[in-house]
Amino acid sequence: MSAVSMARMDYEDRLEAAINEQINVEYTMSYIYHSLAAFMDRDNVGLPGFAAYYKASSDEERHHANLLISQQNRRGGRVKLKTIHSPESEYTSEAR
């Protein structure tokens, strides 16, 4: 099923690639924020306000990715997701 979409008109390959790159940036940031939310919510950290903030930020970044995916599909582009690497899960400070 590699036929070119009938919706694809005046849609440059560079633009399609740039939107795919931004989709992956949005998902990567969502993953990082989600990791921060999990860290802040741990029993030995106990910062529920920060946890809620980072969880909301994660959700927002995923929403941005979904908007870009919809745009890519409407224009006849193809979404190409890349691997998301694991973010940090332990955050320490030298000041402690």
N, C-alpha and C. Protein backbone atom coordinates (compact mmCIF):
# COMPACT_ATOMS: atom_id res chain seq x y z
N MET A 1 0.84 -1.18 0.00
CA MET A 1 0.00 0.00 0.00
C MET A 1 0.89 1.25 0.00
N SER A 2 1.67 1.42 -1.02
CA SER A 2 2.57 2.56 -1.10
C SER A 2 2.09 3.62 -2.07
N ALA A 3 0.84 3.58 -2.45
CA ALA A 3 0.30 4.56 -3.37
C ALA A 3 0.34 5.94 -2.75
N VAL A 4 0.59 6.94 -3.57
CA VAL A 4 0.61 8.32 -3.11
C VAL A 4 -0.82 8.77 -2.84
N SER A 5 -1.00 9.47 -1.74
CA SER A 5 -2.32 9.95 -1.36
C SER A 5 -2.85 10.96 -2.37
N MET A 6 -4.15 10.92 -2.60
CA MET A 6 -4.77 11.90 -3.50
C MET A 6 -4.83 13.27 -2.84
N ALA A 7 -4.68 13.33 -1.51
CA ALA A 7 -4.71 14.60 -0.79
C ALA A 7 -3.38 15.34 -0.89
N ARG A 8 -2.34 14.66 -1.36
CA ARG A 8 -1.00 15.26 -1.39
C ARG A 8 -0.84 16.15 -2.62
N MET A 9 -0.94 17.45 -2.37
CA MET A 9 -0.73 18.42 -3.44
C MET A 9 0.14 19.54 -2.88
N ASP A 10 1.19 19.88 -3.58
CA ASP A 10 2.10 20.95 -3.15
C ASP A 10 2.58 20.73 -1.72
N TYR A 11 2.90 19.51 -1.38
CA TYR A 11 3.37 19.16 -0.04
C TYR A 11 4.78 18.61 -0.20
N GLU A 12 5.74 19.47 0.07
CA GLU A 12 7.13 19.11 -0.17
C GLU A 12 7.62 18.05 0.81
N ASP A 13 8.53 17.22 0.34
CA ASP A 13 9.12 16.18 1.18
C ASP A 13 9.83 16.78 2.40
N ARG A 14 10.46 17.95 2.21
CA ARG A 14 11.14 18.61 3.34
C ARG A 14 10.16 18.95 4.45
N LEU A 15 8.99 19.43 4.08
CA LEU A 15 7.97 19.80 5.07
C LEU A 15 7.46 18.55 5.78
N GLU A 16 7.22 17.50 5.03
CA GLU A 16 6.77 16.25 5.62
C GLU A 16 7.80 15.74 6.64
N ALA A 17 9.08 15.79 6.27
CA ALA A 17 10.15 15.35 7.17
C ALA A 17 10.24 16.24 8.41
N ALA A 18 10.07 17.54 8.24
CA ALA A 18 10.13 18.47 9.37
C ALA A 18 8.98 18.23 10.34
N ILE A 19 7.80 17.97 9.82
CA ILE A 19 6.67 17.69 10.70
C ILE A 19 6.88 16.37 11.43
N ASN A 20 7.39 15.37 10.74
CA ASN A 20 7.71 14.10 11.41
C ASN A 20 8.73 14.30 12.51
N GLU A 21 9.72 15.13 12.26
CA GLU A 21 10.73 15.41 13.29
C GLU A 21 10.09 16.09 14.50
N GLN A 22 9.19 17.04 14.25
CA GLN A 22 8.52 17.74 15.36
C GLN A 22 7.60 16.80 16.13
N ILE A 23 6.94 15.89 15.44
CA ILE A 23 6.11 14.89 16.13
C ILE A 23 6.97 14.11 17.12
N ASN A 24 8.15 13.71 16.68
CA ASN A 24 9.04 12.95 17.54
C ASN A 24 9.58 13.79 18.70
N VAL A 25 9.82 15.07 18.47
CA VAL A 25 10.24 15.97 19.56
C VAL A 25 9.13 16.05 20.60
N GLU A 26 7.89 16.21 20.16
CA GLU A 26 6.76 16.31 21.08
C GLU A 26 6.62 15.04 21.92
N TYR A 27 6.75 13.87 21.29
CA TYR A 27 6.66 12.62 22.04
C TYR A 27 7.83 12.46 23.01
N THR A 28 9.01 12.86 22.60
CA THR A 28 10.17 12.77 23.49
C THR A 28 9.99 13.65 24.71
N MET A 29 9.52 14.87 24.51
CA MET A 29 9.28 15.77 25.64
C MET A 29 8.18 15.23 26.55
N SER A 30 7.14 14.65 25.97
CA SER A 30 6.08 14.06 26.77
C SER A 30 6.64 12.96 27.66
N TYR A 31 7.52 12.15 27.11
CA TYR A 31 8.13 11.04 27.85
C TYR A 31 8.99 11.57 29.00
N ILE A 32 9.74 12.62 28.74
CA ILE A 32 10.59 13.23 29.78
C ILE A 32 9.72 13.81 30.89
N TYR A 33 8.70 14.56 30.52
CA TYR A 33 7.80 15.14 31.53
C TYR A 33 7.10 14.06 32.34
N HIS A 34 6.73 12.97 31.68
CA HIS A 34 6.06 11.88 32.39
C HIS A 34 7.02 11.24 33.41
N SER A 35 8.27 11.11 33.03
CA SER A 35 9.28 10.59 33.95
C SER A 35 9.45 11.51 35.15
N LEU A 36 9.47 12.81 34.91
CA LEU A 36 9.58 13.78 36.00
C LEU A 36 8.36 13.71 36.91
N ALA A 37 7.17 13.55 36.33
CA ALA A 37 5.96 13.44 37.13
C ALA A 37 6.02 12.22 38.04
N ALA A 38 6.49 11.11 37.49
CA ALA A 38 6.60 9.89 38.29
C ALA A 38 7.60 10.07 39.43
N PHE A 39 8.71 10.75 39.13
CA PHE A 39 9.72 10.99 40.16
C PHE A 39 9.16 11.87 41.27
N MET A 40 8.50 12.97 40.90
CA MET A 40 7.97 13.91 41.89
C MET A 40 6.88 13.29 42.75
N ASP A 41 6.20 12.27 42.24
CA ASP A 41 5.10 11.63 42.95
C ASP A 41 5.55 10.49 43.87
N ARG A 42 6.84 10.16 43.84
CA ARG A 42 7.33 9.07 44.68
C ARG A 42 7.17 9.39 46.16
N ASP A 43 7.07 8.35 46.97
CA ASP A 43 6.85 8.55 48.40
C ASP A 43 8.03 9.23 49.09
N ASN A 44 9.25 9.03 48.59
CA ASN A 44 10.41 9.66 49.22
C ASN A 44 10.74 11.04 48.64
N VAL A 45 9.97 11.50 47.67
CA VAL A 45 10.14 12.85 47.12
C VAL A 45 8.95 13.70 47.56
N GLY A 46 7.75 13.22 47.32
CA GLY A 46 6.55 13.84 47.85
C GLY A 46 6.30 15.27 47.43
N LEU A 47 6.31 15.52 46.14
CA LEU A 47 5.99 16.85 45.63
C LEU A 47 4.80 16.74 44.67
N PRO A 48 3.60 16.56 45.21
CA PRO A 48 2.44 16.31 44.36
C PRO A 48 2.09 17.47 43.43
N GLY A 49 2.36 18.67 43.83
CA GLY A 49 2.09 19.82 42.95
C GLY A 49 2.97 19.79 41.71
N PHE A 50 4.25 19.49 41.91
CA PHE A 50 5.17 19.36 40.78
C PHE A 50 4.80 18.16 39.92
N ALA A 51 4.39 17.07 40.57
CA ALA A 51 3.97 15.87 39.83
C ALA A 51 2.80 16.20 38.92
N ALA A 52 1.82 16.92 39.44
CA ALA A 52 0.65 17.29 38.64
C ALA A 52 1.04 18.21 37.48
N TYR A 53 1.95 19.14 37.75
CA TYR A 53 2.42 20.06 36.70
C TYR A 53 3.08 19.29 35.56
N TYR A 54 3.99 18.38 35.91
CA TYR A 54 4.70 17.63 34.87
C TYR A 54 3.79 16.64 34.15
N LYS A 55 2.80 16.09 34.85
CA LYS A 55 1.83 15.21 34.20
C LYS A 55 1.01 16.00 33.19
N ALA A 56 0.57 17.20 33.56
CA ALA A 56 -0.17 18.05 32.62
C ALA A 56 0.70 18.44 31.43
N SER A 57 1.97 18.72 31.69
CA SER A 57 2.89 19.07 30.60
C SER A 57 3.07 17.89 29.65
N SER A 58 3.17 16.69 30.20
CA SER A 58 3.28 15.48 29.38
C SER A 58 2.05 15.33 28.48
N ASP A 59 0.88 15.49 29.07
CA ASP A 59 -0.36 15.38 28.31
C ASP A 59 -0.42 16.43 27.19
N GLU A 60 0.02 17.63 27.50
CA GLU A 60 0.00 18.71 26.50
C GLU A 60 0.92 18.40 25.32
N GLU A 61 2.10 17.87 25.60
CA GLU A 61 3.03 17.54 24.51
C GLU A 61 2.47 16.43 23.63
N ARG A 62 1.82 15.44 24.24
CA ARG A 62 1.18 14.37 23.46
C ARG A 62 0.05 14.93 22.60
N HIS A 63 -0.67 15.91 23.16
CA HIS A 63 -1.74 16.56 22.39
C HIS A 63 -1.15 17.26 21.16
N HIS A 64 -0.02 17.95 21.34
CA HIS A 64 0.64 18.61 20.21
C HIS A 64 1.02 17.58 19.14
N ALA A 65 1.57 16.44 19.57
CA ALA A 65 1.94 15.40 18.62
C ALA A 65 0.72 14.91 17.84
N ASN A 66 -0.39 14.73 18.54
CA ASN A 66 -1.62 14.27 17.88
C ASN A 66 -2.14 15.28 16.87
N LEU A 67 -2.03 16.57 17.18
CA LEU A 67 -2.44 17.60 16.22
C LEU A 67 -1.57 17.55 14.96
N LEU A 68 -0.27 17.38 15.16
CA LEU A 68 0.64 17.30 14.01
C LEU A 68 0.40 16.04 13.18
N ILE A 69 0.09 14.94 13.85
CA ILE A 69 -0.22 13.70 13.13
C ILE A 69 -1.47 13.89 12.27
N SER A 70 -2.48 14.53 12.83
CA SER A 70 -3.71 14.80 12.07
C SER A 70 -3.41 15.66 10.85
N GLN A 71 -2.60 16.70 11.04
CA GLN A 71 -2.24 17.58 9.93
C GLN A 71 -1.47 16.81 8.85
N GLN A 72 -0.53 15.99 9.28
CA GLN A 72 0.26 15.20 8.33
C GLN A 72 -0.66 14.30 7.50
N ASN A 73 -1.60 13.65 8.16
CA ASN A 73 -2.52 12.76 7.45
C ASN A 73 -3.46 13.53 6.52
N ARG A 74 -3.94 14.69 6.96
CA ARG A 74 -4.83 15.50 6.11
C ARG A 74 -4.14 15.95 4.83
N ARG A 75 -2.83 16.24 4.94
CA ARG A 75 -2.09 16.72 3.78
C ARG A 75 -1.58 15.59 2.88
N GLY A 76 -1.82 14.35 3.30
CA GLY A 76 -1.39 13.22 2.47
C GLY A 76 0.03 12.77 2.78
N GLY A 77 0.58 13.26 3.88
CA GLY A 77 1.91 12.83 4.28
C GLY A 77 1.86 11.51 5.02
N ARG A 78 3.02 10.98 5.32
CA ARG A 78 3.13 9.72 6.06
C ARG A 78 3.84 9.99 7.37
N VAL A 79 3.24 9.55 8.46
CA VAL A 79 3.83 9.71 9.79
C VAL A 79 4.90 8.64 9.98
N LYS A 80 6.09 9.08 10.39
CA LYS A 80 7.19 8.15 10.65
C LYS A 80 7.70 8.41 12.06
N LEU A 81 7.32 7.52 12.98
CA LEU A 81 7.74 7.66 14.37
C LEU A 81 9.10 7.02 14.57
N LYS A 82 9.92 7.67 15.40
CA LYS A 82 11.24 7.15 15.73
C LYS A 82 11.23 6.56 17.13
N THR A 83 12.29 5.88 17.47
CA THR A 83 12.46 5.32 18.80
C THR A 83 12.62 6.45 19.82
N ILE A 84 11.96 6.29 20.95
CA ILE A 84 12.11 7.24 22.04
C ILE A 84 13.01 6.58 23.08
N HIS A 85 14.10 7.23 23.40
CA HIS A 85 15.04 6.68 24.37
C HIS A 85 14.55 6.96 25.79
N SER A 86 14.93 6.09 26.70
CA SER A 86 14.51 6.21 28.09
C SER A 86 15.06 7.49 28.72
N PRO A 87 14.20 8.26 29.37
CA PRO A 87 14.68 9.45 30.07
C PRO A 87 15.27 9.07 31.43
N GLU A 88 15.88 10.02 32.08
CA GLU A 88 16.37 9.81 33.44
C GLU A 88 15.20 9.42 34.33
N SER A 89 15.48 8.61 35.32
CA SER A 89 14.42 8.28 36.28
C SER A 89 14.85 8.64 37.72
N GLU A 90 16.10 9.01 37.86
CA GLU A 90 16.62 9.43 39.16
C GLU A 90 17.21 10.83 38.99
N TYR A 91 16.80 11.72 39.85
CA TYR A 91 17.29 13.10 39.80
C TYR A 91 17.85 13.44 41.18
N THR A 92 19.10 13.80 41.21
CA THR A 92 19.72 14.13 42.49
C THR A 92 20.32 15.53 42.41
N SER A 93 20.57 16.06 43.57
CA SER A 93 21.17 17.39 43.67
C SER A 93 22.39 17.32 44.56
N GLU A 94 23.44 17.98 44.17
CA GLU A 94 24.66 18.04 44.98
C GLU A 94 24.44 18.90 46.21
N ALA A 95 23.41 19.75 46.21
CA ALA A 95 23.15 20.65 47.33
C ALA A 95 22.60 19.94 48.56
N ARG A 96 22.10 18.73 48.39
CA ARG A 96 21.51 18.00 49.52
C ARG A 96 22.55 17.53 50.50
